[in-house]
Amino acid sequence: MAVPKRRLSKMKGRKRRTHYTAIVPTLSKCPKCKELITPHTACPFCGQYRGRTIRMVKSKKIKGENQGKGAPA
């Protein structure tokens, strides 16, 4: 097993790790619903890709729906 002869300095290790940065994902707007999505993927909000419906999407539940008088418990 290889064993280092000397301990690496902090600077040497930090120089090696300069490319270990977090990358912000590229986002584009969906032409139909204007939500931010990753490029070259079907929109998870409306199901469209390049002008065609690729997948059916369940409608979002509206906050506060089924609350108030007469709502089932």
PDB file of N, CA and C in Angstrom:
ATOM      1  N   MET A   1       0.840  -1.180   0.000  1.00  0.00           N
ATOM      2  CA  MET A   1       0.000   0.000   0.000  1.00  0.00           C
ATOM      3  C   MET A   1       0.883   1.241   0.000  1.00  0.00           C
ATOM      4  N   ALA A   2       0.551   2.223  -0.803  1.00  0.00           N
ATOM      5  CA  ALA A   2       1.352   3.444  -0.884  1.00  0.00           C
ATOM      6  C   ALA A   2       1.116   4.312   0.347  1.00  0.00           C
ATOM      7  N   VAL A   3       2.218   4.803   0.901  1.00  0.00           N
ATOM      8  CA  VAL A   3       2.159   5.660   2.070  1.00  0.00           C
ATOM      9  C   VAL A   3       2.927   6.946   1.746  1.00  0.00           C
ATOM     10  N   PRO A   4       2.333   8.127   1.994  1.00  0.00           N
ATOM     11  CA  PRO A   4       3.051   9.365   1.684  1.00  0.00           C
ATOM     12  C   PRO A   4       4.261   9.556   2.602  1.00  0.00           C
ATOM     13  N   LYS A   5       5.367  10.046   2.023  1.00  0.00           N
ATOM     14  CA  LYS A   5       6.573  10.284   2.822  1.00  0.00           C
ATOM     15  C   LYS A   5       6.395  11.460   3.760  1.00  0.00           C
ATOM     16  N   ARG A   6       5.710  12.506   3.259  1.00  0.00           N
ATOM     17  CA  ARG A   6       5.506  13.701   4.078  1.00  0.00           C
ATOM     18  C   ARG A   6       4.027  14.078   4.058  1.00  0.00           C
ATOM     19  N   ARG A   7       3.619  14.762   5.090  1.00  0.00           N
ATOM     20  CA  ARG A   7       2.256  15.269   5.159  1.00  0.00           C
ATOM     21  C   ARG A   7       2.094  16.402   4.148  1.00  0.00           C
ATOM     22  N   LEU A   8       0.967  16.411   3.438  1.00  0.00           N
ATOM     23  CA  LEU A   8       0.698  17.492   2.483  1.00  0.00           C
ATOM     24  C   LEU A   8       0.322  18.758   3.237  1.00  0.00           C
ATOM     25  N   SER A   9       0.801  19.887   2.746  1.00  0.00           N
ATOM     26  CA  SER A   9       0.455  21.158   3.381  1.00  0.00           C
ATOM     27  C   SER A   9      -1.005  21.503   3.083  1.00  0.00           C
ATOM     28  N   LYS A  10      -1.559  22.423   3.859  1.00  0.00           N
ATOM     29  CA  LYS A  10      -2.941  22.870   3.659  1.00  0.00           C
ATOM     30  C   LYS A  10      -3.099  23.494   2.278  1.00  0.00           C
ATOM     31  N   MET A  11      -2.118  24.281   1.868  1.00  0.00           N
ATOM     32  CA  MET A  11      -2.195  24.967   0.584  1.00  0.00           C
ATOM     33  C   MET A  11      -2.207  23.967  -0.576  1.00  0.00           C
ATOM     34  N   LYS A  12      -1.400  22.927  -0.489  1.00  0.00           N
ATOM     35  CA  LYS A  12      -1.329  21.923  -1.551  1.00  0.00           C
ATOM     36  C   LYS A  12      -2.680  21.211  -1.708  1.00  0.00           C
ATOM     37  N   GLY A  13      -3.269  20.854  -0.573  1.00  0.00           N
ATOM     38  CA  GLY A  13      -4.575  20.193  -0.626  1.00  0.00           C
ATOM     39  C   GLY A  13      -5.658  21.115  -1.144  1.00  0.00           C
ATOM     40  N   ARG A  14      -5.613  22.364  -0.751  1.00  0.00           N
ATOM     41  CA  ARG A  14      -6.623  23.338  -1.193  1.00  0.00           C
ATOM     42  C   ARG A  14      -6.489  23.649  -2.671  1.00  0.00           C
ATOM     43  N   LYS A  15      -5.261  23.683  -3.180  1.00  0.00           N
ATOM     44  CA  LYS A  15      -5.055  23.902  -4.614  1.00  0.00           C
ATOM     45  C   LYS A  15      -5.660  22.759  -5.420  1.00  0.00           C
ATOM     46  N   ARG A  16      -5.538  21.558  -4.898  1.00  0.00           N
ATOM     47  CA  ARG A  16      -6.080  20.396  -5.603  1.00  0.00           C
ATOM     48  C   ARG A  16      -7.607  20.430  -5.635  1.00  0.00           C
ATOM     49  N   ARG A  17      -8.215  20.995  -4.599  1.00  0.00           N
ATOM     50  CA  ARG A  17      -9.676  21.004  -4.499  1.00  0.00           C
ATOM     51  C   ARG A  17     -10.334  22.247  -5.078  1.00  0.00           C
ATOM     52  N   THR A  18      -9.632  23.040  -5.859  1.00  0.00           N
ATOM     53  CA  THR A  18     -10.210  24.286  -6.369  1.00  0.00           C
ATOM     54  C   THR A  18     -11.388  24.054  -7.303  1.00  0.00           C
ATOM     55  N   HIS A  19     -11.456  22.913  -7.946  1.00  0.00           N
ATOM     56  CA  HIS A  19     -12.556  22.647  -8.885  1.00  0.00           C
ATOM     57  C   HIS A  19     -13.729  21.925  -8.241  1.00  0.00           C
ATOM     58  N   TYR A  20     -13.721  21.739  -6.925  1.00  0.00           N
ATOM     59  CA  TYR A  20     -14.804  21.067  -6.225  1.00  0.00           C
ATOM     60  C   TYR A  20     -15.899  22.064  -5.831  1.00  0.00           C
ATOM     61  N   THR A  21     -16.437  22.789  -6.753  1.00  0.00           N
ATOM     62  CA  THR A  21     -17.440  23.801  -6.426  1.00  0.00           C
ATOM     63  C   THR A  21     -18.831  23.301  -6.801  1.00  0.00           C
ATOM     64  N   ALA A  22     -19.817  23.832  -6.136  1.00  0.00           N
ATOM     65  CA  ALA A  22     -21.202  23.505  -6.463  1.00  0.00           C
ATOM     66  C   ALA A  22     -21.590  24.223  -7.747  1.00  0.00           C
ATOM     67  N   ILE A  23     -22.283  23.531  -8.629  1.00  0.00           N
ATOM     68  CA  ILE A  23     -22.685  24.099  -9.914  1.00  0.00           C
ATOM     69  C   ILE A  23     -24.178  24.409  -9.861  1.00  0.00           C
ATOM     70  N   VAL A  24     -24.541  25.621 -10.219  1.00  0.00           N
ATOM     71  CA  VAL A  24     -25.945  26.026 -10.261  1.00  0.00           C
ATOM     72  C   VAL A  24     -26.559  25.430 -11.532  1.00  0.00           C
ATOM     73  N   PRO A  25     -27.679  24.702 -11.410  1.00  0.00           N
ATOM     74  CA  PRO A  25     -28.263  24.097 -12.601  1.00  0.00           C
ATOM     75  C   PRO A  25     -28.816  25.147 -13.561  1.00  0.00           C
ATOM     76  N   THR A  26     -28.701  24.870 -14.857  1.00  0.00           N
ATOM     77  CA  THR A  26     -29.238  25.757 -15.878  1.00  0.00           C
ATOM     78  C   THR A  26     -30.753  25.598 -15.911  1.00  0.00           C
ATOM     79  N   LEU A  27     -31.465  26.699 -15.894  1.00  0.00           N
ATOM     80  CA  LEU A  27     -32.920  26.664 -15.924  1.00  0.00           C
ATOM     81  C   LEU A  27     -33.433  27.500 -17.087  1.00  0.00           C
ATOM     82  N   SER A  28     -34.533  27.064 -17.678  1.00  0.00           N
ATOM     83  CA  SER A  28     -35.193  27.823 -18.727  1.00  0.00           C
ATOM     84  C   SER A  28     -36.689  27.839 -18.426  1.00  0.00           C
ATOM     85  N   LYS A  29     -37.398  28.764 -19.060  1.00  0.00           N
ATOM     86  CA  LYS A  29     -38.838  28.873 -18.820  1.00  0.00           C
ATOM     87  C   LYS A  29     -39.601  27.975 -19.781  1.00  0.00           C
ATOM     88  N   CYS A  30     -40.613  27.321 -19.250  1.00  0.00           N
ATOM     89  CA  CYS A  30     -41.514  26.524 -20.081  1.00  0.00           C
ATOM     90  C   CYS A  30     -42.318  27.496 -20.949  1.00  0.00           C
ATOM     91  N   PRO A  31     -42.383  27.278 -22.264  1.00  0.00           N
ATOM     92  CA  PRO A  31     -43.114  28.219 -23.115  1.00  0.00           C
ATOM     93  C   PRO A  31     -44.617  28.254 -22.856  1.00  0.00           C
ATOM     94  N   LYS A  32     -45.176  27.181 -22.282  1.00  0.00           N
ATOM     95  CA  LYS A  32     -46.616  27.154 -22.042  1.00  0.00           C
ATOM     96  C   LYS A  32     -46.997  27.733 -20.685  1.00  0.00           C
ATOM     97  N   CYS A  33     -46.377  27.205 -19.605  1.00  0.00           N
ATOM     98  CA  CYS A  33     -46.811  27.620 -18.260  1.00  0.00           C
ATOM     99  C   CYS A  33     -45.845  28.591 -17.588  1.00  0.00           C
ATOM    100  N   LYS A  34     -44.720  28.888 -18.227  1.00  0.00           N
ATOM    101  CA  LYS A  34     -43.730  29.874 -17.747  1.00  0.00           C
ATOM    102  C   LYS A  34     -43.048  29.482 -16.437  1.00  0.00           C
ATOM    103  N   GLU A  35     -43.089  28.211 -16.046  1.00  0.00           N
ATOM    104  CA  GLU A  35     -42.372  27.729 -14.863  1.00  0.00           C
ATOM    105  C   GLU A  35     -40.925  27.451 -15.239  1.00  0.00           C
ATOM    106  N   LEU A  36     -40.028  27.539 -14.278  1.00  0.00           N
ATOM    107  CA  LEU A  36     -38.628  27.233 -14.531  1.00  0.00           C
ATOM    108  C   LEU A  36     -38.417  25.724 -14.543  1.00  0.00           C
ATOM    109  N   ILE A  37     -37.779  25.219 -15.608  1.00  0.00           N
ATOM    110  CA  ILE A  37     -37.502  23.792 -15.751  1.00  0.00           C
ATOM    111  C   ILE A  37     -36.076  23.618 -16.265  1.00  0.00           C
ATOM    112  N   THR A  38     -35.537  22.406 -16.128  1.00  0.00           N
ATOM    113  CA  THR A  38     -34.233  22.117 -16.712  1.00  0.00           C
ATOM    114  C   THR A  38     -34.411  21.895 -18.212  1.00  0.00           C
ATOM    115  N   PRO A  39     -33.448  22.292 -19.032  1.00  0.00           N
ATOM    116  CA  PRO A  39     -33.588  22.152 -20.482  1.00  0.00           C
ATOM    117  C   PRO A  39     -33.664  20.686 -20.923  1.00  0.00           C
ATOM    118  N   HIS A  40     -34.301  20.443 -22.047  1.00  0.00           N
ATOM    119  CA  HIS A  40     -34.406  19.128 -22.684  1.00  0.00           C
ATOM    120  C   HIS A  40     -35.138  18.110 -21.815  1.00  0.00           C
ATOM    121  N   THR A  41     -36.089  18.561 -21.001  1.00  0.00           N
ATOM    122  CA  THR A  41     -36.919  17.660 -20.208  1.00  0.00           C
ATOM    123  C   THR A  41     -38.374  18.078 -20.345  1.00  0.00           C
ATOM    124  N   ALA A  42     -39.280  17.135 -20.144  1.00  0.00           N
ATOM    125  CA  ALA A  42     -40.702  17.463 -20.147  1.00  0.00           C
ATOM    126  C   ALA A  42     -41.015  18.293 -18.908  1.00  0.00           C
ATOM    127  N   CYS A  43     -41.893  19.265 -19.050  1.00  0.00           N
ATOM    128  CA  CYS A  43     -42.243  20.143 -17.934  1.00  0.00           C
ATOM    129  C   CYS A  43     -43.016  19.336 -16.887  1.00  0.00           C
ATOM    130  N   PRO A  44     -42.539  19.324 -15.624  1.00  0.00           N
ATOM    131  CA  PRO A  44     -43.265  18.568 -14.599  1.00  0.00           C
ATOM    132  C   PRO A  44     -44.565  19.240 -14.167  1.00  0.00           C
ATOM    133  N   PHE A  45     -44.789  20.496 -14.570  1.00  0.00           N
ATOM    134  CA  PHE A  45     -45.981  21.238 -14.162  1.00  0.00           C
ATOM    135  C   PHE A  45     -47.123  21.099 -15.170  1.00  0.00           C
ATOM    136  N   CYS A  46     -46.793  21.134 -16.484  1.00  0.00           N
ATOM    137  CA  CYS A  46     -47.859  21.039 -17.486  1.00  0.00           C
ATOM    138  C   CYS A  46     -47.724  19.808 -18.390  1.00  0.00           C
ATOM    139  N   GLY A  47     -46.579  19.120 -18.371  1.00  0.00           N
ATOM    140  CA  GLY A  47     -46.403  17.899 -19.157  1.00  0.00           C
ATOM    141  C   GLY A  47     -46.049  18.123 -20.605  1.00  0.00           C
ATOM    142  N   GLN A  48     -45.694  19.325 -20.997  1.00  0.00           N
ATOM    143  CA  GLN A  48     -45.371  19.638 -22.385  1.00  0.00           C
ATOM    144  C   GLN A  48     -43.881  19.475 -22.660  1.00  0.00           C
ATOM    145  N   TYR A  49     -43.539  19.034 -23.879  1.00  0.00           N
ATOM    146  CA  TYR A  49     -42.154  19.014 -24.339  1.00  0.00           C
ATOM    147  C   TYR A  49     -42.161  19.307 -25.817  1.00  0.00           C
ATOM    148  N   ARG A  50     -41.507  20.379 -26.199  1.00  0.00           N
ATOM    149  CA  ARG A  50     -41.410  20.833 -27.586  1.00  0.00           C
ATOM    150  C   ARG A  50     -42.792  20.967 -28.243  1.00  0.00           C
ATOM    151  N   GLY A  51     -43.737  21.532 -27.494  1.00  0.00           N
ATOM    152  CA  GLY A  51     -45.057  21.821 -28.042  1.00  0.00           C
ATOM    153  C   GLY A  51     -46.038  20.665 -28.013  1.00  0.00           C
ATOM    154  N   ARG A  52     -45.642  19.513 -27.511  1.00  0.00           N
ATOM    155  CA  ARG A  52     -46.540  18.355 -27.471  1.00  0.00           C
ATOM    156  C   ARG A  52     -46.744  17.915 -26.029  1.00  0.00           C
ATOM    157  N   THR A  53     -47.926  17.372 -25.744  1.00  0.00           N
ATOM    158  CA  THR A  53     -48.189  16.830 -24.413  1.00  0.00           C
ATOM    159  C   THR A  53     -47.564  15.450 -24.340  1.00  0.00           C
ATOM    160  N   ILE A  54     -46.591  15.312 -23.454  1.00  0.00           N
ATOM    161  CA  ILE A  54     -45.865  14.060 -23.319  1.00  0.00           C
ATOM    162  C   ILE A  54     -46.435  13.220 -22.184  1.00  0.00           C
ATOM    163  N   ARG A  55     -46.813  13.879 -21.104  1.00  0.00           N
ATOM    164  CA  ARG A  55     -47.318  13.144 -19.950  1.00  0.00           C
ATOM    165  C   ARG A  55     -48.468  13.900 -19.321  1.00  0.00           C
ATOM    166  N   MET A  56     -49.364  13.157 -18.704  1.00  0.00           N
ATOM    167  CA  MET A  56     -50.490  13.764 -18.018  1.00  0.00           C
ATOM    168  C   MET A  56     -50.038  14.148 -16.613  1.00  0.00           C
ATOM    169  N   VAL A  57     -50.414  15.340 -16.176  1.00  0.00           N
ATOM    170  CA  VAL A  57     -50.014  15.849 -14.872  1.00  0.00           C
ATOM    171  C   VAL A  57     -51.259  16.057 -14.038  1.00  0.00           C
ATOM    172  N   LYS A  58     -51.209  15.586 -12.788  1.00  0.00           N
ATOM    173  CA  LYS A  58     -52.328  15.808 -11.884  1.00  0.00           C
ATOM    174  C   LYS A  58     -52.384  17.286 -11.540  1.00  0.00           C
ATOM    175  N   SER A  59     -53.580  17.834 -11.411  1.00  0.00           N
ATOM    176  CA  SER A  59     -53.704  19.246 -11.058  1.00  0.00           C
ATOM    177  C   SER A  59     -53.259  19.450  -9.619  1.00  0.00           C
ATOM    178  N   LYS A  60     -52.682  20.620  -9.370  1.00  0.00           N
ATOM    179  CA  LYS A  60     -52.197  20.931  -8.038  1.00  0.00           C
ATOM    180  C   LYS A  60     -53.366  21.163  -7.098  1.00  0.00           C
ATOM    181  N   LYS A  61     -53.219  20.725  -5.848  1.00  0.00           N
ATOM    182  CA  LYS A  61     -54.233  20.954  -4.843  1.00  0.00           C
ATOM    183  C   LYS A  61     -54.093  22.394  -4.354  1.00  0.00           C
ATOM    184  N   ILE A  62     -55.164  23.135  -4.375  1.00  0.00           N
ATOM    185  CA  ILE A  62     -55.141  24.532  -3.961  1.00  0.00           C
ATOM    186  C   ILE A  62     -55.091  24.598  -2.451  1.00  0.00           C
ATOM    187  N   LYS A  63     -54.216  25.463  -1.940  1.00  0.00           N
ATOM    188  CA  LYS A  63     -54.059  25.595  -0.495  1.00  0.00           C
ATOM    189  C   LYS A  63     -55.376  26.089   0.101  1.00  0.00           C
ATOM    190  N   GLY A  64     -55.834  25.412   1.140  1.00  0.00           N
ATOM    191  CA  GLY A  64     -57.079  25.785   1.793  1.00  0.00           C
ATOM    192  C   GLY A  64     -58.294  25.086   1.213  1.00  0.00           C
ATOM    193  N   GLU A  65     -58.077  24.212   0.231  1.00  0.00           N
ATOM    194  CA  GLU A  65     -59.190  23.479  -0.370  1.00  0.00           C
ATOM    195  C   GLU A  65     -59.751  22.490   0.645  1.00  0.00           C
ATOM    196  N   ASN A  66     -61.051  22.294   0.635  1.00  0.00           N
ATOM    197  CA  ASN A  66     -61.760  21.401   1.555  1.00  0.00           C
ATOM    198  C   ASN A  66     -61.644  21.863   3.004  1.00  0.00           C
ATOM    199  N   GLN A  67     -61.545  23.124   3.222  1.00  0.00           N
ATOM    200  CA  GLN A  67     -61.536  23.661   4.580  1.00  0.00           C
ATOM    201  C   GLN A  67     -62.688  24.633   4.702  1.00  0.00           C
ATOM    202  N   GLY A  68     -63.187  24.772   5.892  1.00  0.00           N
ATOM    203  CA  GLY A  68     -64.294  25.689   6.109  1.00  0.00           C
ATOM    204  C   GLY A  68     -65.550  24.917   6.482  1.00  0.00           C
ATOM    205  N   LYS A  69     -66.710  25.594   6.327  1.00  0.00           N
ATOM    206  CA  LYS A  69     -67.976  24.977   6.693  1.00  0.00           C
ATOM    207  C   LYS A  69     -68.353  23.897   5.698  1.00  0.00           C
ATOM    208  N   GLY A  70     -68.876  22.806   6.233  1.00  0.00           N
ATOM    209  CA  GLY A  70     -69.370  21.735   5.391  1.00  0.00           C
ATOM    210  C   GLY A  70     -68.298  20.805   4.862  1.00  0.00           C
ATOM    211  N   ALA A  71     -67.077  21.006   5.229  1.00  0.00           N
ATOM    212  CA  ALA A  71     -66.003  20.143   4.748  1.00  0.00           C
ATOM    213  C   ALA A  71     -66.013  18.837   5.548  1.00  0.00           C
ATOM    214  N   PRO A  72     -65.812  17.718   4.866  1.00  0.00           N
ATOM    215  CA  PRO A  72     -65.798  16.431   5.577  1.00  0.00           C
ATOM    216  C   PRO A  72     -64.602  16.382   6.531  1.00  0.00           C
ATOM    217  N   ALA A  73     -64.832  15.754   7.672  1.00  0.00           N
ATOM    218  CA  ALA A  73     -63.770  15.703   8.687  1.00  0.00           C
ATOM    219  C   ALA A  73     -62.863  14.544   8.495  1.00  0.00           C
TER     220      ALA A  73
END
